[in-house]
Amino acid sequence: MREPQVFFLDASQGQRFCIYHPADLRAGPERGRVLHIHAFAEEMNKSRRMAALQARQLAAAGFAVLQMDLFGCGDSAGDFGEAGWQDWLADLRQAKAWLDSECGPAAPLWLWGQRAGCLLACELAAQIDGSDCNFLFWQPPANGRLLLQQFLRLKLAGSLLEGNAAAAMEALKAQMAAGEVVEIAGYGLSPALAAGLEKTVLTPPAGGSGRALFFELASQQGEEVSPALASSAQRWQAAGLRVQARRIQGPSFWQTSEIEDAPALLSASLQALLEGAPA
């Protein structure tokens, strides 16, 4: 198996840190191209180990995987507070073009997103005519407004205890409306990033005919997914995609205090991608 390639990709506003996991072709032809789209803010850092484990498993199974730290994230250029939603979409378009040039367009394309990365995947698919895209979603939110509110609440913890949450939330929004960067849990949140995230919805691509895998983690075993995930999955299926939605027992590793693994999610994701992939 070939070793991962670590490199910096030239882009606007500096370079982007990338890790490319070449497909292991000993078992046959390349099964697919996978573009990983990481989670938001500290969730990305908590998820690095899981993303790396999954990328290696996919590469060993014959998938080529590209991971990129978006502008202002991780080891890429810029500060988080300088990033806007459109900056990240531009990064992803460039990452997809690089992956195409490395692998060729024949192998199926998978957009693998986690949390906010799922929303970015939807917008990317709309921009690149993603009618033949396939999607692997880890804990996809129904929309970005929910994620933004969860993030803003980190700033409002004290106000929540004092019963002043509504006023504090309005004050935060007023700051961003005035063009100010708001500091939240060590991250600067720009108005451009907040506005872009807030308006996004987990929308299927027009004319989509690929596969869409929705996985959510839960602390208890069970067959039924959450009502929100079920609603999203039904909407995607109605749009013409071949949908699989599963609830998997495991920790919410993107928000645990210590770094944790969810092995069942790794194995379920790998097996799902292998279904129907070129042998």
C-alpha atoms as a PDB file:
ATOM      1  CA  MET A   1       0.000   0.000   0.000  1.00  0.00           C
ATOM      2  CA  ARG A   2       1.345   3.435  -0.952  1.00  0.00           C
ATOM      3  CA  GLU A   3       2.038   5.923   1.815  1.00  0.00           C
ATOM      4  CA  PRO A   4      -0.117   9.056   2.183  1.00  0.00           C
ATOM      5  CA  GLN A   5       1.246  12.153   0.454  1.00  0.00           C
ATOM      6  CA  VAL A   6       1.392  15.325   2.544  1.00  0.00           C
ATOM      7  CA  PHE A   7       1.663  18.585   0.600  1.00  0.00           C
ATOM      8  CA  PHE A   8       0.608  22.228   0.413  1.00  0.00           C
ATOM      9  CA  LEU A   9      -1.627  23.261  -2.470  1.00  0.00           C
ATOM     10  CA  ASP A  10      -1.251  26.811  -3.772  1.00  0.00           C
ATOM     11  CA  ALA A  11      -4.530  28.694  -3.517  1.00  0.00           C
ATOM     12  CA  SER A  12      -5.853  32.209  -3.093  1.00  0.00           C
ATOM     13  CA  GLN A  13      -4.767  33.793   0.195  1.00  0.00           C
ATOM     14  CA  GLY A  14      -1.923  31.314   0.689  1.00  0.00           C
ATOM     15  CA  GLN A  15      -1.505  27.559   0.721  1.00  0.00           C
ATOM     16  CA  ARG A  16      -3.797  24.737   1.827  1.00  0.00           C
ATOM     17  CA  PHE A  17      -2.541  21.757   3.790  1.00  0.00           C
ATOM     18  CA  CYS A  18      -3.536  18.477   2.127  1.00  0.00           C
ATOM     19  CA  ILE A  19      -3.149  14.757   2.714  1.00  0.00           C
ATOM     20  CA  TYR A  20      -3.705  12.473  -0.255  1.00  0.00           C
ATOM     21  CA  HIS A  21      -4.266   8.784   0.349  1.00  0.00           C
ATOM     22  CA  PRO A  22      -3.672   6.947  -2.959  1.00  0.00           C
ATOM     23  CA  ALA A  23      -5.882   3.976  -3.664  1.00  0.00           C
ATOM     24  CA  ASP A  24      -4.332   0.568  -3.104  1.00  0.00           C
ATOM     25  CA  LEU A  25      -4.752  -1.001  -6.543  1.00  0.00           C
ATOM     26  CA  ARG A  26      -3.451  -4.456  -5.677  1.00  0.00           C
ATOM     27  CA  ALA A  27      -6.996  -5.770  -5.361  1.00  0.00           C
ATOM     28  CA  GLY A  28      -8.213  -4.270  -8.636  1.00  0.00           C
ATOM     29  CA  PRO A  29      -9.096  -0.956 -10.309  1.00  0.00           C
ATOM     30  CA  GLU A  30      -9.726   2.254  -8.420  1.00  0.00           C
ATOM     31  CA  ARG A  31     -13.128   2.070  -6.740  1.00  0.00           C
ATOM     32  CA  GLY A  32     -13.742   5.791  -6.366  1.00  0.00           C
ATOM     33  CA  ARG A  33     -12.520   9.318  -5.607  1.00  0.00           C
ATOM     34  CA  VAL A  34     -13.335  10.624  -2.128  1.00  0.00           C
ATOM     35  CA  LEU A  35     -13.113  14.283  -1.095  1.00  0.00           C
ATOM     36  CA  HIS A  36     -13.242  14.709   2.670  1.00  0.00           C
ATOM     37  CA  ILE A  37     -14.920  17.879   3.977  1.00  0.00           C
ATOM     38  CA  HIS A  38     -14.122  18.404   7.624  1.00  0.00           C
ATOM     39  CA  ALA A  39     -16.266  19.612  10.496  1.00  0.00           C
ATOM     40  CA  PHE A  40     -16.485  23.134  11.924  1.00  0.00           C
ATOM     41  CA  ALA A  41     -14.056  24.800  14.353  1.00  0.00           C
ATOM     42  CA  GLU A  42     -13.086  22.622  17.335  1.00  0.00           C
ATOM     43  CA  GLU A  43     -15.205  19.767  15.992  1.00  0.00           C
ATOM     44  CA  MET A  44     -12.608  19.381  13.240  1.00  0.00           C
ATOM     45  CA  ASN A  45      -9.782  18.941  15.750  1.00  0.00           C
ATOM     46  CA  LYS A  46     -11.753  16.425  17.810  1.00  0.00           C
ATOM     47  CA  SER A  47     -12.455  14.455  14.621  1.00  0.00           C
ATOM     48  CA  ARG A  48      -8.972  14.352  13.103  1.00  0.00           C
ATOM     49  CA  ARG A  49      -8.210  10.855  14.322  1.00  0.00           C
ATOM     50  CA  MET A  50     -11.494   9.405  13.071  1.00  0.00           C
ATOM     51  CA  ALA A  51     -11.067  11.099   9.690  1.00  0.00           C
ATOM     52  CA  ALA A  52      -7.522   9.744   9.369  1.00  0.00           C
ATOM     53  CA  LEU A  53      -8.590   6.218  10.314  1.00  0.00           C
ATOM     54  CA  GLN A  54     -11.432   6.251   7.793  1.00  0.00           C
ATOM     55  CA  ALA A  55      -9.258   7.699   5.027  1.00  0.00           C
ATOM     56  CA  ARG A  56      -6.678   4.949   5.499  1.00  0.00           C
ATOM     57  CA  GLN A  57      -9.325   2.235   5.485  1.00  0.00           C
ATOM     58  CA  LEU A  58     -10.863   3.595   2.302  1.00  0.00           C
ATOM     59  CA  ALA A  59      -7.480   3.845   0.579  1.00  0.00           C
ATOM     60  CA  ALA A  60      -6.658   0.253   1.537  1.00  0.00           C
ATOM     61  CA  ALA A  61      -9.971  -0.809  -0.030  1.00  0.00           C
ATOM     62  CA  GLY A  62      -9.197   0.911  -3.336  1.00  0.00           C
ATOM     63  CA  PHE A  63     -10.554   4.448  -2.897  1.00  0.00           C
ATOM     64  CA  ALA A  64      -8.390   7.532  -3.472  1.00  0.00           C
ATOM     65  CA  VAL A  65      -9.003  10.041  -0.655  1.00  0.00           C
ATOM     66  CA  LEU A  66      -8.071  13.730  -0.436  1.00  0.00           C
ATOM     67  CA  GLN A  67      -8.217  15.616   2.859  1.00  0.00           C
ATOM     68  CA  MET A  68      -7.769  19.397   2.873  1.00  0.00           C
ATOM     69  CA  ASP A  69      -7.653  21.884   5.738  1.00  0.00           C
ATOM     70  CA  LEU A  70      -9.830  24.728   4.489  1.00  0.00           C
ATOM     71  CA  PHE A  71      -8.730  28.377   4.649  1.00  0.00           C
ATOM     72  CA  GLY A  72      -8.128  29.447   8.238  1.00  0.00           C
ATOM     73  CA  CYS A  73      -8.310  25.874   9.535  1.00  0.00           C
ATOM     74  CA  GLY A  74      -5.648  23.510  10.818  1.00  0.00           C
ATOM     75  CA  ASP A  75      -2.306  23.902   9.065  1.00  0.00           C
ATOM     76  CA  SER A  76      -3.607  25.935   6.122  1.00  0.00           C
ATOM     77  CA  ALA A  77      -2.975  29.639   5.615  1.00  0.00           C
ATOM     78  CA  GLY A  78      -5.105  32.277   7.297  1.00  0.00           C
ATOM     79  CA  ASP A  79      -6.916  32.653  10.598  1.00  0.00           C
ATOM     80  CA  PHE A  80     -10.322  31.152  11.233  1.00  0.00           C
ATOM     81  CA  GLY A  81     -11.752  34.627  11.813  1.00  0.00           C
ATOM     82  CA  GLU A  82     -10.718  35.663   8.283  1.00  0.00           C
ATOM     83  CA  ALA A  83     -12.585  32.835   6.560  1.00  0.00           C
ATOM     84  CA  GLY A  84     -15.900  33.149   4.775  1.00  0.00           C
ATOM     85  CA  TRP A  85     -18.240  30.428   3.556  1.00  0.00           C
ATOM     86  CA  GLN A  86     -17.445  31.245  -0.074  1.00  0.00           C
ATOM     87  CA  ASP A  87     -13.709  30.941   0.668  1.00  0.00           C
ATOM     88  CA  TRP A  88     -14.297  27.368   1.772  1.00  0.00           C
ATOM     89  CA  LEU A  89     -16.370  26.539  -1.297  1.00  0.00           C
ATOM     90  CA  ALA A  90     -13.590  27.906  -3.509  1.00  0.00           C
ATOM     91  CA  ASP A  91     -11.106  25.680  -1.659  1.00  0.00           C
ATOM     92  CA  LEU A  92     -13.312  22.653  -2.232  1.00  0.00           C
ATOM     93  CA  ARG A  93     -13.691  23.364  -5.942  1.00  0.00           C
ATOM     94  CA  GLN A  94      -9.910  23.483  -6.196  1.00  0.00           C
ATOM     95  CA  ALA A  95      -9.549  20.302  -4.140  1.00  0.00           C
ATOM     96  CA  LYS A  96     -12.014  18.495  -6.390  1.00  0.00           C
ATOM     97  CA  ALA A  97     -10.142  19.682  -9.501  1.00  0.00           C
ATOM     98  CA  TRP A  98      -6.857  18.423  -8.034  1.00  0.00           C
ATOM     99  CA  LEU A  99      -8.422  15.057  -7.234  1.00  0.00           C
ATOM    100  CA  ASP A 100      -9.786  14.804 -10.780  1.00  0.00           C
ATOM    101  CA  SER A 101      -6.370  15.555 -12.251  1.00  0.00           C
ATOM    102  CA  GLU A 102      -4.734  12.939 -10.052  1.00  0.00           C
ATOM    103  CA  CYS A 103      -7.289  10.160 -10.521  1.00  0.00           C
ATOM    104  CA  GLY A 104      -9.203  10.981 -13.665  1.00  0.00           C
ATOM    105  CA  PRO A 105     -12.975  11.419 -13.841  1.00  0.00           C
ATOM    106  CA  ALA A 106     -13.909   7.787 -14.484  1.00  0.00           C
ATOM    107  CA  ALA A 107     -14.062   6.565 -10.886  1.00  0.00           C
ATOM    108  CA  PRO A 108     -17.210   7.503  -8.918  1.00  0.00           C
ATOM    109  CA  LEU A 109     -16.944  10.741  -6.914  1.00  0.00           C
ATOM    110  CA  TRP A 110     -17.833  10.699  -3.229  1.00  0.00           C
ATOM    111  CA  LEU A 111     -18.234  13.849  -1.136  1.00  0.00           C
ATOM    112  CA  TRP A 112     -17.633  12.784   2.465  1.00  0.00           C
ATOM    113  CA  GLY A 113     -18.784  15.422   4.904  1.00  0.00           C
ATOM    114  CA  GLN A 114     -19.075  15.636   8.657  1.00  0.00           C
ATOM    115  CA  ARG A 115     -21.526  18.004  10.375  1.00  0.00           C
ATOM    116  CA  ALA A 116     -20.992  21.410   8.684  1.00  0.00           C
ATOM    117  CA  GLY A 117     -18.995  19.572   6.027  1.00  0.00           C
ATOM    118  CA  CYS A 118     -22.232  17.916   4.885  1.00  0.00           C
ATOM    119  CA  LEU A 119     -23.721  21.339   4.169  1.00  0.00           C
ATOM    120  CA  LEU A 120     -20.607  22.380   2.258  1.00  0.00           C
ATOM    121  CA  ALA A 121     -20.866  19.163   0.234  1.00  0.00           C
ATOM    122  CA  CYS A 122     -24.406  20.076  -0.820  1.00  0.00           C
ATOM    123  CA  GLU A 123     -23.382  23.533  -2.005  1.00  0.00           C
ATOM    124  CA  LEU A 124     -20.284  22.170  -3.740  1.00  0.00           C
ATOM    125  CA  ALA A 125     -22.397  19.615  -5.614  1.00  0.00           C
ATOM    126  CA  ALA A 126     -24.688  22.402  -6.821  1.00  0.00           C
ATOM    127  CA  GLN A 127     -21.688  24.352  -8.132  1.00  0.00           C
ATOM    128  CA  ILE A 128     -20.005  21.470  -9.978  1.00  0.00           C
ATOM    129  CA  ASP A 129     -23.135  19.891 -11.514  1.00  0.00           C
ATOM    130  CA  GLY A 130     -23.119  17.110  -8.990  1.00  0.00           C
ATOM    131  CA  SER A 131     -25.902  15.059 -10.537  1.00  0.00           C
ATOM    132  CA  ASP A 132     -23.644  12.002 -10.455  1.00  0.00           C
ATOM    133  CA  CYS A 133     -22.083  12.727  -7.050  1.00  0.00           C
ATOM    134  CA  ASN A 134     -22.304  10.267  -4.198  1.00  0.00           C
ATOM    135  CA  PHE A 135     -22.477  11.442  -0.595  1.00  0.00           C
ATOM    136  CA  LEU A 136     -21.218  10.032   2.695  1.00  0.00           C
ATOM    137  CA  PHE A 137     -22.624  12.083   5.568  1.00  0.00           C
ATOM    138  CA  TRP A 138     -21.542  11.765   9.188  1.00  0.00           C
ATOM    139  CA  GLN A 139     -24.080  13.320  11.584  1.00  0.00           C
ATOM    140  CA  PRO A 140     -25.589  15.649   8.973  1.00  0.00           C
ATOM    141  CA  PRO A 141     -27.595  18.622  10.288  1.00  0.00           C
ATOM    142  CA  ALA A 142     -30.825  19.587   8.560  1.00  0.00           C
ATOM    143  CA  ASN A 143     -29.540  23.134   8.118  1.00  0.00           C
ATOM    144  CA  GLY A 144     -26.773  25.515   9.086  1.00  0.00           C
ATOM    145  CA  ARG A 145     -28.925  27.696  11.315  1.00  0.00           C
ATOM    146  CA  LEU A 146     -28.986  24.939  13.925  1.00  0.00           C
ATOM    147  CA  LEU A 147     -25.194  24.562  13.874  1.00  0.00           C
ATOM    148  CA  LEU A 148     -24.688  28.311  14.109  1.00  0.00           C
ATOM    149  CA  GLN A 149     -26.991  28.558  17.113  1.00  0.00           C
ATOM    150  CA  GLN A 150     -25.147  25.706  18.824  1.00  0.00           C
ATOM    151  CA  PHE A 151     -21.836  27.464  18.223  1.00  0.00           C
ATOM    152  CA  LEU A 152     -23.090  30.840  19.431  1.00  0.00           C
ATOM    153  CA  ARG A 153     -24.384  29.241  22.629  1.00  0.00           C
ATOM    154  CA  LEU A 154     -20.784  28.487  23.595  1.00  0.00           C
ATOM    155  CA  LYS A 155     -20.368  32.244  23.920  1.00  0.00           C
ATOM    156  CA  LEU A 156     -23.618  32.592  25.833  1.00  0.00           C
ATOM    157  CA  ALA A 157     -23.109  29.959  28.527  1.00  0.00           C
ATOM    158  CA  GLY A 158     -23.095  32.530  31.322  1.00  0.00           C
ATOM    159  CA  SER A 159     -26.117  34.354  29.953  1.00  0.00           C
ATOM    160  CA  LEU A 160     -28.044  31.094  29.700  1.00  0.00           C
ATOM    161  CA  LEU A 161     -27.549  30.516  33.407  1.00  0.00           C
ATOM    162  CA  GLU A 162     -28.667  34.056  34.167  1.00  0.00           C
ATOM    163  CA  GLY A 163     -31.733  33.844  31.937  1.00  0.00           C
ATOM    164  CA  ASN A 164     -30.503  36.523  29.524  1.00  0.00           C
ATOM    165  CA  ALA A 165     -29.895  34.254  26.535  1.00  0.00           C
ATOM    166  CA  ALA A 166     -32.273  35.987  24.110  1.00  0.00           C
ATOM    167  CA  ALA A 167     -30.821  39.438  24.714  1.00  0.00           C
ATOM    168  CA  ALA A 168     -27.261  38.136  24.550  1.00  0.00           C
ATOM    169  CA  MET A 169     -27.978  36.329  21.264  1.00  0.00           C
ATOM    170  CA  GLU A 170     -29.407  39.492  19.746  1.00  0.00           C
ATOM    171  CA  ALA A 171     -26.336  41.435  20.872  1.00  0.00           C
ATOM    172  CA  LEU A 172     -24.061  38.898  19.179  1.00  0.00           C
ATOM    173  CA  LYS A 173     -26.034  39.096  15.956  1.00  0.00           C
ATOM    174  CA  ALA A 174     -25.918  42.885  16.090  1.00  0.00           C
ATOM    175  CA  GLN A 175     -22.120  42.762  16.362  1.00  0.00           C
ATOM    176  CA  MET A 176     -21.884  40.562  13.283  1.00  0.00           C
ATOM    177  CA  ALA A 177     -24.391  42.707  11.404  1.00  0.00           C
ATOM    178  CA  ALA A 178     -22.056  45.626  12.073  1.00  0.00           C
ATOM    179  CA  GLY A 179     -19.223  43.692  10.420  1.00  0.00           C
ATOM    180  CA  GLU A 180     -17.424  42.654  13.594  1.00  0.00           C
ATOM    181  CA  VAL A 181     -15.643  39.341  14.119  1.00  0.00           C
ATOM    182  CA  VAL A 182     -16.988  37.653  17.258  1.00  0.00           C
ATOM    183  CA  GLU A 183     -14.700  35.518  19.437  1.00  0.00           C
ATOM    184  CA  ILE A 184     -16.296  32.217  20.449  1.00  0.00           C
ATOM    185  CA  ALA A 185     -14.459  29.447  22.307  1.00  0.00           C
ATOM    186  CA  GLY A 186     -11.129  30.629  20.945  1.00  0.00           C
ATOM    187  CA  TYR A 187     -12.331  31.006  17.345  1.00  0.00           C
ATOM    188  CA  GLY A 188     -13.090  34.223  15.519  1.00  0.00           C
ATOM    189  CA  LEU A 189     -16.398  34.029  13.659  1.00  0.00           C
ATOM    190  CA  SER A 190     -16.654  36.428  10.730  1.00  0.00           C
ATOM    191  CA  PRO A 191     -19.982  37.815   9.499  1.00  0.00           C
ATOM    192  CA  ALA A 192     -19.309  36.240   6.084  1.00  0.00           C
ATOM    193  CA  LEU A 193     -18.866  32.790   7.598  1.00  0.00           C
ATOM    194  CA  ALA A 194     -21.846  33.104   9.939  1.00  0.00           C
ATOM    195  CA  ALA A 195     -24.141  34.330   7.154  1.00  0.00           C
ATOM    196  CA  GLY A 196     -23.054  31.579   4.789  1.00  0.00           C
ATOM    197  CA  LEU A 197     -23.534  28.866   7.383  1.00  0.00           C
ATOM    198  CA  GLU A 198     -26.884  30.193   8.567  1.00  0.00           C
ATOM    199  CA  LYS A 199     -28.542  30.098   5.152  1.00  0.00           C
ATOM    200  CA  THR A 200     -27.465  26.587   4.144  1.00  0.00           C
ATOM    201  CA  VAL A 201     -29.829  23.644   3.992  1.00  0.00           C
ATOM    202  CA  LEU A 202     -29.085  19.950   3.465  1.00  0.00           C
ATOM    203  CA  THR A 203     -30.397  20.062  -0.096  1.00  0.00           C
ATOM    204  CA  PRO A 204     -30.030  17.224  -2.627  1.00  0.00           C
ATOM    205  CA  PRO A 205     -28.463  18.051  -5.998  1.00  0.00           C
ATOM    206  CA  ALA A 206     -30.812  18.756  -8.882  1.00  0.00           C
ATOM    207  CA  GLY A 207     -31.201  15.670 -11.029  1.00  0.00           C
ATOM    208  CA  GLY A 208     -29.127  13.619  -8.615  1.00  0.00           C
ATOM    209  CA  SER A 209     -28.970   9.884  -9.257  1.00  0.00           C
ATOM    210  CA  GLY A 210     -26.079   8.809  -7.035  1.00  0.00           C
ATOM    211  CA  ARG A 211     -25.968   7.292  -3.577  1.00  0.00           C
ATOM    212  CA  ALA A 212     -26.428   9.165  -0.300  1.00  0.00           C
ATOM    213  CA  LEU A 213     -25.393   7.557   2.978  1.00  0.00           C
ATOM    214  CA  PHE A 214     -26.682   9.185   6.162  1.00  0.00           C
ATOM    215  CA  PHE A 215     -25.051   7.969   9.378  1.00  0.00           C
ATOM    216  CA  GLU A 216     -25.780   9.265  12.860  1.00  0.00           C
ATOM    217  CA  LEU A 217     -24.286   8.144  16.150  1.00  0.00           C
ATOM    218  CA  ALA A 218     -26.269   7.410  19.292  1.00  0.00           C
ATOM    219  CA  SER A 219     -25.276   6.258  22.758  1.00  0.00           C
ATOM    220  CA  GLN A 220     -27.887   3.474  22.736  1.00  0.00           C
ATOM    221  CA  GLN A 221     -28.517   0.721  20.234  1.00  0.00           C
ATOM    222  CA  GLY A 222     -31.588   1.071  18.061  1.00  0.00           C
ATOM    223  CA  GLU A 223     -32.908   0.667  14.560  1.00  0.00           C
ATOM    224  CA  GLU A 224     -34.664   3.984  14.038  1.00  0.00           C
ATOM    225  CA  VAL A 225     -32.821   7.157  13.091  1.00  0.00           C
ATOM    226  CA  SER A 226     -33.862  10.507  14.536  1.00  0.00           C
ATOM    227  CA  PRO A 227     -36.933  12.205  13.037  1.00  0.00           C
ATOM    228  CA  ALA A 228     -34.749  14.992  11.630  1.00  0.00           C
ATOM    229  CA  LEU A 229     -32.455  12.555   9.840  1.00  0.00           C
ATOM    230  CA  ALA A 230     -35.385  10.488   8.607  1.00  0.00           C
ATOM    231  CA  SER A 231     -36.962  13.622   7.128  1.00  0.00           C
ATOM    232  CA  SER A 232     -33.735  14.587   5.347  1.00  0.00           C
ATOM    233  CA  ALA A 233     -33.262  11.063   4.004  1.00  0.00           C
ATOM    234  CA  GLN A 234     -36.829  10.960   2.676  1.00  0.00           C
ATOM    235  CA  ARG A 235     -36.342  14.286   0.912  1.00  0.00           C
ATOM    236  CA  TRP A 236     -33.171  13.042  -0.776  1.00  0.00           C
ATOM    237  CA  GLN A 237     -34.818   9.787  -1.800  1.00  0.00           C
ATOM    238  CA  ALA A 238     -37.731  11.702  -3.309  1.00  0.00           C
ATOM    239  CA  ALA A 239     -35.188  13.718  -5.314  1.00  0.00           C
ATOM    240  CA  GLY A 240     -33.986  10.537  -7.012  1.00  0.00           C
ATOM    241  CA  LEU A 241     -30.954   9.493  -4.987  1.00  0.00           C
ATOM    242  CA  ARG A 242     -30.401   6.008  -3.609  1.00  0.00           C
ATOM    243  CA  VAL A 243     -30.474   6.635   0.124  1.00  0.00           C
ATOM    244  CA  GLN A 244     -29.334   4.626   3.108  1.00  0.00           C
ATOM    245  CA  ALA A 245     -29.891   6.030   6.618  1.00  0.00           C
ATOM    246  CA  ARG A 246     -28.483   4.266   9.663  1.00  0.00           C
ATOM    247  CA  ARG A 247     -28.198   4.799  13.385  1.00  0.00           C
ATOM    248  CA  ILE A 248     -24.936   3.491  14.815  1.00  0.00           C
ATOM    249  CA  GLN A 249     -24.005   3.076  18.453  1.00  0.00           C
ATOM    250  CA  GLY A 250     -20.951   5.086  19.409  1.00  0.00           C
ATOM    251  CA  PRO A 251     -19.668   8.275  21.039  1.00  0.00           C
ATOM    252  CA  SER A 252     -20.203  11.762  19.659  1.00  0.00           C
ATOM    253  CA  PHE A 253     -16.454  11.962  19.083  1.00  0.00           C
ATOM    254  CA  TRP A 254     -16.534  15.501  17.643  1.00  0.00           C
ATOM    255  CA  GLN A 255     -17.620  16.921  21.006  1.00  0.00           C
ATOM    256  CA  THR A 256     -16.189  14.591  23.664  1.00  0.00           C
ATOM    257  CA  SER A 257     -13.705  15.988  26.182  1.00  0.00           C
ATOM    258  CA  GLU A 258     -11.160  13.312  25.231  1.00  0.00           C
ATOM    259  CA  ILE A 259     -10.365  12.010  21.754  1.00  0.00           C
ATOM    260  CA  GLU A 260     -12.568   8.976  21.142  1.00  0.00           C
ATOM    261  CA  ASP A 261     -13.119   6.490  18.318  1.00  0.00           C
ATOM    262  CA  ALA A 262     -16.322   5.090  16.852  1.00  0.00           C
ATOM    263  CA  PRO A 263     -15.180   1.830  15.209  1.00  0.00           C
ATOM    264  CA  ALA A 264     -18.704   0.837  14.199  1.00  0.00           C
ATOM    265  CA  LEU A 265     -19.031   4.023  12.152  1.00  0.00           C
ATOM    266  CA  LEU A 266     -15.756   3.308  10.364  1.00  0.00           C
ATOM    267  CA  SER A 267     -16.752  -0.218   9.405  1.00  0.00           C
ATOM    268  CA  ALA A 268     -20.291   0.771   8.400  1.00  0.00           C
ATOM    269  CA  SER A 269     -19.011   3.589   6.188  1.00  0.00           C
ATOM    270  CA  LEU A 270     -16.466   1.360   4.479  1.00  0.00           C
ATOM    271  CA  GLN A 271     -18.926  -1.449   3.839  1.00  0.00           C
ATOM    272  CA  ALA A 272     -21.530   0.955   2.494  1.00  0.00           C
ATOM    273  CA  LEU A 273     -19.077   2.477   0.009  1.00  0.00           C
ATOM    274  CA  LEU A 274     -17.985  -0.962  -1.131  1.00  0.00           C
ATOM    275  CA  GLU A 275     -21.563  -1.881  -2.023  1.00  0.00           C
ATOM    276  CA  GLY A 276     -21.907  -1.330  -5.735  1.00  0.00           C
ATOM    277  CA  ALA A 277     -18.320  -0.101  -6.164  1.00  0.00           C
ATOM    278  CA  PRO A 278     -16.289  -1.426  -9.131  1.00  0.00           C
ATOM    279  CA  ALA A 279     -14.816  -4.806  -8.211  1.00  0.00           C
END
